[in-house]
PDB file of N, CA and C in Angstrom:
ATOM      1  N   MET A   1       8.643  -6.296  -2.593  1.00  0.00           N
ATOM      2  CA  MET A   1      10.010  -6.115  -2.111  1.00  0.00           C
ATOM      3  C   MET A   1      10.227  -6.989  -0.877  1.00  0.00           C
ATOM      4  N   PRO A   2      11.420  -7.528  -0.715  1.00  0.00           N
ATOM      5  CA  PRO A   2      11.697  -8.362   0.460  1.00  0.00           C
ATOM      6  C   PRO A   2      11.857  -7.508   1.718  1.00  0.00           C
ATOM      7  N   ASN A   3      11.683  -8.156   2.870  1.00  0.00           N
ATOM      8  CA  ASN A   3      11.904  -7.476   4.146  1.00  0.00           C
ATOM      9  C   ASN A   3      13.375  -7.088   4.287  1.00  0.00           C
ATOM     10  N   SER A   4      13.631  -5.997   4.979  1.00  0.00           N
ATOM     11  CA  SER A   4      15.003  -5.641   5.346  1.00  0.00           C
ATOM     12  C   SER A   4      15.166  -5.956   6.823  1.00  0.00           C
ATOM     13  N   ASP A   5      16.329  -5.672   7.389  1.00  0.00           N
ATOM     14  CA  ASP A   5      16.565  -5.948   8.803  1.00  0.00           C
ATOM     15  C   ASP A   5      15.671  -5.119   9.724  1.00  0.00           C
ATOM     16  N   GLY A   6      15.099  -4.023   9.238  1.00  0.00           N
ATOM     17  CA  GLY A   6      14.288  -3.175  10.102  1.00  0.00           C
ATOM     18  C   GLY A   6      12.814  -3.174   9.779  1.00  0.00           C
ATOM     19  N   CYS A   7      12.371  -3.994   8.834  1.00  0.00           N
ATOM     20  CA  CYS A   7      10.972  -3.971   8.405  1.00  0.00           C
ATOM     21  C   CYS A   7      10.217  -5.181   8.913  1.00  0.00           C
ATOM     22  N   ILE A   8       8.942  -4.960   9.188  1.00  0.00           N
ATOM     23  CA  ILE A   8       8.051  -6.069   9.457  1.00  0.00           C
ATOM     24  C   ILE A   8       6.830  -5.888   8.570  1.00  0.00           C
ATOM     25  N   HIS A   9       6.317  -6.986   8.053  1.00  0.00           N
ATOM     26  CA  HIS A   9       5.137  -6.940   7.200  1.00  0.00           C
ATOM     27  C   HIS A   9       4.017  -7.669   7.921  1.00  0.00           C
ATOM     28  N   VAL A  10       2.972  -6.954   8.296  1.00  0.00           N
ATOM     29  CA  VAL A  10       1.857  -7.533   9.046  1.00  0.00           C
ATOM     30  C   VAL A  10       0.546  -6.921   8.578  1.00  0.00           C
ATOM     31  N   HIS A  11      -0.544  -7.536   9.010  1.00  0.00           N
ATOM     32  CA  HIS A  11      -1.874  -6.994   8.756  1.00  0.00           C
ATOM     33  C   HIS A  11      -1.998  -5.673   9.512  1.00  0.00           C
ATOM     34  N   PRO A  12      -2.700  -4.677   8.949  1.00  0.00           N
ATOM     35  CA  PRO A  12      -2.824  -3.363   9.611  1.00  0.00           C
ATOM     36  C   PRO A  12      -3.343  -3.428  11.051  1.00  0.00           C
ATOM     37  N   ASP A  13      -4.297  -4.316  11.333  1.00  0.00           N
ATOM     38  CA  ASP A  13      -4.793  -4.430  12.712  1.00  0.00           C
ATOM     39  C   ASP A  13      -3.709  -4.932  13.653  1.00  0.00           C
ATOM     40  N   ASP A  14      -2.891  -5.876  13.180  1.00  0.00           N
ATOM     41  CA  ASP A  14      -1.787  -6.389  13.989  1.00  0.00           C
ATOM     42  C   ASP A  14      -0.730  -5.314  14.212  1.00  0.00           C
ATOM     43  N   LEU A  15      -0.472  -4.514  13.181  1.00  0.00           N
ATOM     44  CA  LEU A  15       0.503  -3.437  13.314  1.00  0.00           C
ATOM     45  C   LEU A  15       0.062  -2.426  14.370  1.00  0.00           C
ATOM     46  N   LYS A  16      -1.227  -2.114  14.401  1.00  0.00           N
ATOM     47  CA  LYS A  16      -1.744  -1.184  15.414  1.00  0.00           C
ATOM     48  C   LYS A  16      -1.521  -1.741  16.820  1.00  0.00           C
ATOM     49  N   THR A  17      -1.758  -3.039  16.997  1.00  0.00           N
ATOM     50  CA  THR A  17      -1.536  -3.673  18.298  1.00  0.00           C
ATOM     51  C   THR A  17      -0.064  -3.638  18.681  1.00  0.00           C
ATOM     52  N   ILE A  18       0.811  -3.964  17.743  1.00  0.00           N
ATOM     53  CA  ILE A  18       2.257  -3.929  17.994  1.00  0.00           C
ATOM     54  C   ILE A  18       2.698  -2.521  18.364  1.00  0.00           C
ATOM     55  N   ASP A  19       2.193  -1.521  17.643  1.00  0.00           N
ATOM     56  CA  ASP A  19       2.527  -0.124  17.918  1.00  0.00           C
ATOM     57  C   ASP A  19       2.120   0.270  19.332  1.00  0.00           C
ATOM     58  N   GLN A  20       0.928  -0.111  19.744  1.00  0.00           N
ATOM     59  CA  GLN A  20       0.442   0.219  21.086  1.00  0.00           C
ATOM     60  C   GLN A  20       1.306  -0.434  22.166  1.00  0.00           C
ATOM     61  N   ILE A  21       1.671  -1.691  21.957  1.00  0.00           N
ATOM     62  CA  ILE A  21       2.514  -2.396  22.934  1.00  0.00           C
ATOM     63  C   ILE A  21       3.885  -1.736  23.044  1.00  0.00           C
ATOM     64  N   LEU A  22       4.500  -1.412  21.900  1.00  0.00           N
ATOM     65  CA  LEU A  22       5.830  -0.798  21.926  1.00  0.00           C
ATOM     66  C   LEU A  22       5.807   0.555  22.612  1.00  0.00           C
ATOM     67  N   LYS A  23       4.780   1.347  22.371  1.00  0.00           N
ATOM     68  CA  LYS A  23       4.677   2.655  23.033  1.00  0.00           C
ATOM     69  C   LYS A  23       4.523   2.494  24.537  1.00  0.00           C
ATOM     70  N   LYS A  24       3.752   1.487  24.984  1.00  0.00           N
ATOM     71  CA  LYS A  24       3.612   1.226  26.425  1.00  0.00           C
ATOM     72  C   LYS A  24       4.942   0.822  27.053  1.00  0.00           C
ATOM     73  N   LEU A  25       5.804   0.184  26.249  1.00  0.00           N
ATOM     74  CA  LEU A  25       7.121  -0.227  26.741  1.00  0.00           C
ATOM     75  C   LEU A  25       8.149   0.910  26.701  1.00  0.00           C
ATOM     76  N   GLY A  26       7.739   2.074  26.168  1.00  0.00           N
ATOM     77  CA  GLY A  26       8.634   3.224  26.148  1.00  0.00           C
ATOM     78  C   GLY A  26       9.453   3.394  24.884  1.00  0.00           C
ATOM     79  N   VAL A  27       9.148   2.632  23.841  1.00  0.00           N
ATOM     80  CA  VAL A  27       9.882   2.754  22.577  1.00  0.00           C
ATOM     81  C   VAL A  27       9.506   4.080  21.918  1.00  0.00           C
ATOM     82  N   ILE A  28      10.503   4.809  21.449  1.00  0.00           N
ATOM     83  CA  ILE A  28      10.302   6.126  20.844  1.00  0.00           C
ATOM     84  C   ILE A  28      10.234   5.985  19.331  1.00  0.00           C
ATOM     85  N   GLU A  29       9.195   6.582  18.728  1.00  0.00           N
ATOM     86  CA  GLU A  29       9.050   6.572  17.274  1.00  0.00           C
ATOM     87  C   GLU A  29       9.999   7.600  16.678  1.00  0.00           C
ATOM     88  N   ARG A  30      10.746   7.198  15.645  1.00  0.00           N
ATOM     89  CA  ARG A  30      11.731   8.083  15.024  1.00  0.00           C
ATOM     90  C   ARG A  30      11.442   8.270  13.542  1.00  0.00           C
ATOM     91  N   GLN A  31      11.982   9.327  12.975  1.00  0.00           N
ATOM     92  CA  GLN A  31      11.831   9.592  11.549  1.00  0.00           C
ATOM     93  C   GLN A  31      12.636   8.578  10.740  1.00  0.00           C
ATOM     94  N   ASN A  32      12.119   8.207   9.583  1.00  0.00           N
ATOM     95  CA  ASN A  32      12.802   7.290   8.681  1.00  0.00           C
ATOM     96  C   ASN A  32      14.071   7.964   8.146  1.00  0.00           C
ATOM     97  N   THR A  33      15.189   7.250   8.202  1.00  0.00           N
ATOM     98  CA  THR A  33      16.460   7.799   7.713  1.00  0.00           C
ATOM     99  C   THR A  33      16.689   7.478   6.239  1.00  0.00           C
ATOM    100  N   PHE A  34      15.820   6.645   5.660  1.00  0.00           N
ATOM    101  CA  PHE A  34      15.933   6.251   4.252  1.00  0.00           C
ATOM    102  C   PHE A  34      17.324   5.710   3.920  1.00  0.00           C
ATOM    103  N   GLY A  35      17.866   4.890   4.850  1.00  0.00           N
ATOM    104  CA  GLY A  35      19.137   4.218   4.610  1.00  0.00           C
ATOM    105  C   GLY A  35      20.378   5.040   4.905  1.00  0.00           C
ATOM    106  N   LYS A  36      20.218   6.192   5.544  1.00  0.00           N
ATOM    107  CA  LYS A  36      21.368   7.047   5.856  1.00  0.00           C
ATOM    108  C   LYS A  36      22.393   6.284   6.691  1.00  0.00           C
ATOM    109  N   LEU A  37      23.640   6.390   6.277  1.00  0.00           N
ATOM    110  CA  LEU A  37      24.738   5.774   7.019  1.00  0.00           C
ATOM    111  C   LEU A  37      25.757   6.830   7.394  1.00  0.00           C
ATOM    112  N   PRO A  38      26.313   6.799   8.576  1.00  0.00           N
ATOM    113  CA  PRO A  38      25.989   5.851   9.635  1.00  0.00           C
ATOM    114  C   PRO A  38      24.609   6.143  10.213  1.00  0.00           C
ATOM    115  N   TYR A  39      23.971   5.100  10.740  1.00  0.00           N
ATOM    116  CA  TYR A  39      22.649   5.233  11.338  1.00  0.00           C
ATOM    117  C   TYR A  39      22.738   6.213  12.510  1.00  0.00           C
ATOM    118  N   PRO A  40      21.919   7.261  12.520  1.00  0.00           N
ATOM    119  CA  PRO A  40      22.082   8.321  13.512  1.00  0.00           C
ATOM    120  C   PRO A  40      21.472   8.052  14.890  1.00  0.00           C
ATOM    121  N   TYR A  41      20.781   6.938  15.055  1.00  0.00           N
ATOM    122  CA  TYR A  41      20.092   6.676  16.326  1.00  0.00           C
ATOM    123  C   TYR A  41      20.707   5.498  17.067  1.00  0.00           C
ATOM    124  N   LYS A  42      20.645   5.560  18.391  1.00  0.00           N
ATOM    125  CA  LYS A  42      21.069   4.437  19.213  1.00  0.00           C
ATOM    126  C   LYS A  42      19.918   3.429  19.239  1.00  0.00           C
ATOM    127  N   PRO A  43      20.195   2.132  19.047  1.00  0.00           N
ATOM    128  CA  PRO A  43      19.133   1.133  19.095  1.00  0.00           C
ATOM    129  C   PRO A  43      18.399   1.168  20.440  1.00  0.00           C
ATOM    130  N   GLN A  44      17.100   0.894  20.387  1.00  0.00           N
ATOM    131  CA  GLN A  44      16.279   0.950  21.594  1.00  0.00           C
ATOM    132  C   GLN A  44      16.051  -0.415  22.232  1.00  0.00           C
ATOM    133  N   GLY A  45      16.497  -1.459  21.608  1.00  0.00           N
ATOM    134  CA  GLY A  45      16.315  -2.790  22.175  1.00  0.00           C
ATOM    135  C   GLY A  45      16.084  -3.830  21.104  1.00  0.00           C
ATOM    136  N   LEU A  46      15.560  -4.946  21.520  1.00  0.00           N
ATOM    137  CA  LEU A  46      15.357  -6.082  20.635  1.00  0.00           C
ATOM    138  C   LEU A  46      13.871  -6.364  20.504  1.00  0.00           C
ATOM    139  N   LEU A  47      13.418  -6.627  19.295  1.00  0.00           N
ATOM    140  CA  LEU A  47      12.021  -6.943  19.045  1.00  0.00           C
ATOM    141  C   LEU A  47      11.925  -8.369  18.541  1.00  0.00           C
ATOM    142  N   SER A  48      11.095  -9.144  19.183  1.00  0.00           N
ATOM    143  CA  SER A  48      10.866 -10.517  18.765  1.00  0.00           C
ATOM    144  C   SER A  48       9.376 -10.769  18.769  1.00  0.00           C
ATOM    145  N   ILE A  49       8.830 -11.201  17.624  1.00  0.00           N
ATOM    146  CA  ILE A  49       7.406 -11.477  17.509  1.00  0.00           C
ATOM    147  C   ILE A  49       7.235 -12.888  16.982  1.00  0.00           C
ATOM    148  N   GLU A  50       6.359 -13.633  17.612  1.00  0.00           N
ATOM    149  CA  GLU A  50       6.075 -14.995  17.177  1.00  0.00           C
ATOM    150  C   GLU A  50       4.622 -15.065  16.732  1.00  0.00           C
ATOM    151  N   GLU A  51       4.397 -15.577  15.552  1.00  0.00           N
ATOM    152  CA  GLU A  51       3.033 -15.721  15.042  1.00  0.00           C
ATOM    153  C   GLU A  51       2.566 -17.144  15.308  1.00  0.00           C
ATOM    154  N   ILE A  52       1.391 -17.243  15.937  1.00  0.00           N
ATOM    155  CA  ILE A  52       0.834 -18.558  16.247  1.00  0.00           C
ATOM    156  C   ILE A  52      -0.450 -18.736  15.451  1.00  0.00           C
ATOM    157  N   PHE A  53      -0.507 -19.771  14.657  1.00  0.00           N
ATOM    158  CA  PHE A  53      -1.700 -20.073  13.864  1.00  0.00           C
ATOM    159  C   PHE A  53      -2.591 -21.015  14.665  1.00  0.00           C
ATOM    160  N   LEU A  54      -3.847 -20.667  14.763  1.00  0.00           N
ATOM    161  CA  LEU A  54      -4.796 -21.535  15.492  1.00  0.00           C
ATOM    162  C   LEU A  54      -5.717 -22.237  14.539  1.00  0.00           C
TER     163      LEU A  54
END
């Protein structure tokens, strides 16, 4: 399935690192709404990740 506006596809180890960083920044984990509209949560900010190949 293709990515949606809210999904990221990464290796599990990378996801764990991203999760730890976001929690340190104060991002709150929320329950999946499964596409419920209108979206019931206020956005928490902007996420930007850059992958660098060495």
